[in-house]
């Protein structure tokens, strides 16, 4: 499979950037300690079940496949793929939970084999959209930005166990 490349810059404060760093630290600890728990800053985001919520969102044991860097001079949090394997299902949902006040956000991914063919993901408070049309992505992003502040309608936080299959 061809490597998938993702890059996204989010304007934010050091404290806001710390949320994603806390997720990455928790996942790194989880590799060596199966009983690892996320830091208290993530309890404020995900509630009392932060560990279960994060593992569910990420699809553990599937790796998240992203890394980040914060530049305090520009105030940008830069997300990039790790080894061309970002978890494309988890990234938009995780960003929805970590940065609801920064939404809408948009980013493009492309494969190493076809760098000119981009697939755009747009994340809003009440929808996640995917398109291959860059012009449509810009139009949709502008439309999402012009919508009045709507309450989040995507409920993705696991609050109770799934029913048994049988």
Protein backbone atom coordinates (compact mmCIF):
# COMPACT_ATOMS: atom_id res chain seq x y z
CA UNK A 1 0.00 0.00 0.00
CA UNK A 2 1.28 3.46 -0.88
CA UNK A 3 2.15 5.81 1.98
CA UNK A 4 -0.57 8.32 2.89
CA UNK A 5 0.58 11.81 3.77
CA UNK A 6 -1.31 14.19 6.03
CA UNK A 7 -0.34 17.68 7.16
CA UNK A 8 -2.45 20.15 9.11
CA UNK A 9 -1.64 23.34 11.00
CA UNK A 10 -4.00 24.46 13.76
CA UNK A 11 -3.60 27.94 15.24
CA UNK A 12 -3.75 27.48 19.00
CA UNK A 13 -2.22 28.26 22.37
CA UNK A 14 0.37 26.13 24.14
CA UNK A 15 -2.35 24.84 26.51
CA UNK A 16 -4.57 23.83 23.60
CA UNK A 17 -1.66 22.07 21.89
CA UNK A 18 -0.99 20.20 25.14
CA UNK A 19 -4.25 18.26 24.66
CA UNK A 20 -2.92 16.42 21.59
CA UNK A 21 0.48 15.94 23.21
CA UNK A 22 -1.31 14.36 26.20
CA UNK A 23 -3.05 11.91 23.85
CA UNK A 24 0.24 10.98 22.17
CA UNK A 25 1.96 10.54 25.55
CA UNK A 26 -0.87 8.31 26.78
CA UNK A 27 -0.65 6.15 23.64
CA UNK A 28 3.15 5.86 23.99
CA UNK A 29 2.75 4.79 27.64
CA UNK A 30 0.10 2.29 26.62
CA UNK A 31 2.66 0.49 24.43
CA UNK A 32 4.66 -0.51 27.51
CA UNK A 33 1.97 -0.42 30.21
CA UNK A 34 -1.45 -1.87 29.31
CA UNK A 35 -2.89 -0.24 32.45
CA UNK A 36 -1.72 3.29 31.50
CA UNK A 37 -4.22 6.07 32.08
CA UNK A 38 -4.50 9.40 30.28
CA UNK A 39 -3.57 12.56 32.16
CA UNK A 40 -6.14 14.65 34.03
CA UNK A 41 -6.23 17.26 31.23
CA UNK A 42 -7.90 14.62 29.05
CA UNK A 43 -10.51 13.92 31.73
CA UNK A 44 -11.62 17.52 31.23
CA UNK A 45 -12.10 16.83 27.52
CA UNK A 46 -13.49 13.28 27.53
CA UNK A 47 -15.05 13.00 31.00
CA UNK A 48 -14.58 10.30 33.60
CA UNK A 49 -14.12 7.58 30.97
CA UNK A 50 -11.28 9.28 29.08
CA UNK A 51 -9.29 6.06 28.70
CA UNK A 52 -12.17 4.10 27.20
CA UNK A 53 -13.24 7.03 25.04
CA UNK A 54 -9.75 7.48 23.58
CA UNK A 55 -9.23 3.77 22.96
CA UNK A 56 -12.63 3.62 21.25
CA UNK A 57 -12.04 6.70 19.10
CA UNK A 58 -8.59 5.53 18.03
CA UNK A 59 -9.64 1.92 17.54
CA UNK A 60 -6.88 0.60 19.78
CA UNK A 61 -4.68 -1.36 19.12
CA UNK A 62 -4.59 0.36 15.71
CA UNK A 63 -1.93 3.10 15.96
CA UNK A 64 -2.97 6.73 15.63
CA UNK A 65 -0.20 7.29 13.10
CA UNK A 66 0.24 11.02 13.64
CA UNK A 67 2.78 13.17 15.37
CA UNK A 68 2.73 16.84 16.20
CA UNK A 69 4.92 19.82 16.89
CA UNK A 70 4.01 23.13 18.47
CA UNK A 71 5.74 26.36 17.47
CA UNK A 72 5.19 28.97 20.20
CA UNK A 73 6.42 31.79 17.96
CA UNK A 74 3.79 31.20 15.28
CA UNK A 75 1.18 29.67 17.59
CA UNK A 76 0.75 26.71 15.23
CA UNK A 77 0.25 23.08 16.13
CA UNK A 78 1.47 21.04 13.15
CA UNK A 79 0.13 17.51 12.67
CA UNK A 80 1.88 15.12 10.31
CA UNK A 81 1.61 11.45 9.47
CA UNK A 82 3.99 8.90 10.94
CA UNK A 83 5.57 6.68 8.29
CA UNK A 84 2.71 7.36 5.87
CA UNK A 85 0.16 5.57 8.05
CA UNK A 86 -2.25 8.04 9.69
CA UNK A 87 -5.37 6.51 11.20
CA UNK A 88 -7.81 8.25 8.85
CA UNK A 89 -10.85 7.08 10.79
CA UNK A 90 -9.60 8.39 14.14
CA UNK A 91 -7.99 11.73 13.21
CA UNK A 92 -11.16 13.73 12.41
CA UNK A 93 -13.05 12.37 15.41
CA UNK A 94 -10.13 13.08 17.73
CA UNK A 95 -9.85 16.64 16.40
CA UNK A 96 -13.59 17.11 16.91
CA UNK A 97 -13.21 16.25 20.59
CA UNK A 98 -9.90 18.01 21.26
CA UNK A 99 -10.57 21.25 19.38
CA UNK A 100 -14.32 21.98 19.11
CA UNK A 101 -13.63 25.71 19.44
CA UNK A 102 -11.30 25.57 16.40
CA UNK A 103 -13.88 24.02 14.08
CA UNK A 104 -14.45 23.92 11.23
CA UNK A 105 -11.09 22.47 10.19
CA UNK A 106 -10.06 21.03 6.85
CA UNK A 107 -7.08 19.01 5.74
CA UNK A 108 -6.04 17.03 2.70
CA UNK A 109 -4.33 13.68 2.44
CA UNK A 110 -2.61 12.18 -0.58
CA UNK A 111 -0.66 9.07 -1.39
CA UNK A 112 3.03 9.05 -2.25
CA UNK A 113 2.13 7.46 -5.58
CA UNK A 114 -0.38 10.19 -6.52
CA UNK A 115 0.60 13.43 -4.74
CA UNK A 116 -1.66 15.51 -6.99
CA UNK A 117 -4.79 13.54 -6.07
CA UNK A 118 -5.93 14.91 -2.72
CA UNK A 119 -8.82 13.83 -0.57
CA UNK A 120 -10.17 16.54 1.71
CA UNK A 121 -11.71 16.02 5.15
CA UNK A 122 -13.81 18.81 6.60
CA UNK A 123 -14.68 18.66 10.29
CA UNK A 124 -17.54 20.71 11.70
CA UNK A 125 -19.41 20.56 14.99
CA UNK A 126 -22.25 18.59 13.46
CA UNK A 127 -20.70 16.83 10.46
CA UNK A 128 -17.58 15.35 8.98
CA UNK A 129 -17.41 15.57 5.19
CA UNK A 130 -14.98 13.97 2.74
CA UNK A 131 -14.48 15.13 -0.85
CA UNK A 132 -11.95 14.85 -3.66
CA UNK A 133 -12.94 18.21 -5.13
CA UNK A 134 -10.68 20.98 -3.76
CA UNK A 135 -13.01 23.75 -4.98
CA UNK A 136 -15.95 22.10 -3.25
CA UNK A 137 -13.85 21.72 -0.09
CA UNK A 138 -13.16 25.47 -0.02
CA UNK A 139 -16.83 26.26 -0.64
CA UNK A 140 -18.02 23.83 2.05
CA UNK A 141 -15.45 25.12 4.55
CA UNK A 142 -16.65 28.69 3.95
CA UNK A 143 -20.26 27.53 4.41
CA UNK A 144 -19.40 25.74 7.65
CA UNK A 145 -17.63 28.85 8.93
CA UNK A 146 -20.65 31.00 8.15
CA UNK A 147 -23.12 28.77 10.02
CA UNK A 148 -24.23 30.15 13.36
CA UNK A 149 -22.70 28.38 16.36
CA UNK A 150 -24.62 25.12 16.40
CA UNK A 151 -24.46 22.63 19.23
CA UNK A 152 -22.47 19.49 18.56
CA UNK A 153 -24.81 16.83 17.18
CA UNK A 154 -22.24 14.09 16.67
CA UNK A 155 -22.29 11.95 19.81
CA UNK A 156 -19.21 9.79 19.58
CA UNK A 157 -18.25 9.47 23.22
CA UNK A 158 -18.81 5.91 24.45
CA UNK A 159 -21.01 6.27 27.51
CA UNK A 160 -22.21 2.70 28.01
CA UNK A 161 -21.10 -0.79 27.01
CA UNK A 162 -22.22 -2.17 23.68
CA UNK A 163 -24.99 -4.78 23.87
CA UNK A 164 -23.96 -8.41 23.62
CA UNK A 165 -24.12 -9.90 20.14
CA UNK A 166 -26.25 -12.83 21.28
